[in-house]
Amino acid sequence: MMTPRSLILTLALALAAATPAQAHVTVRPKAVAPASTPVFTFRCPDERATSATIELAIELPPDTPLATLRVPAVAGWHSSVTMGSGATAEVVTWTGGRIAPHTAQTFRIVAGPMPAAPHTLIFRAVQTYDNGEVVRWIEERAPGEAEPPFPAPVVEVR
């Protein structure tokens, strides 16, 4: 039988060994209408105790060129758009701001038109911290499988 002291020690060790759950870079809405030009809101949390997020890069779906792209201003941040071949945007990057530890920031883009047929849009995200750590939210979820550790934000066109 465990004494109260040994029980407390066991619980403390178990909690110390547990890894904190990772918050994901997410996108809203989760579903959009075909041929629409929606506003996408990306939420980027900072889960580090002592490091701030200083950059977020969102890769636009490479298989779905978007003719329209607007990036509304975010106070304290500078946005830039990397263009690909065919004069279509490939990556939107926000720099110059800070997301303090244990807080979050939202970033928006207006993009479209969406495909006319049902489609899955995958927006890969790369989050950079002021200590040099880089977290890549780029993993795709296979049908029937559990969510991967670093899932990419996904939107369904339907």
Foldseek 3Di string as FASTA:
>chain_A
DDDPVVVVVVVVVVVVPDDDADDAFAWPPQEDAAQQFDKIKTKFAAADPAWWWFKKKKFWFPVWFWPDKDWDDDPQWDWDFDADPPRTTTMIMIGRHIRDHGGMDMTIMTTDDHHRDKDKIFIWMWIAIPVGDIQTLHDDDDPPDDADRRHTYMHIHD
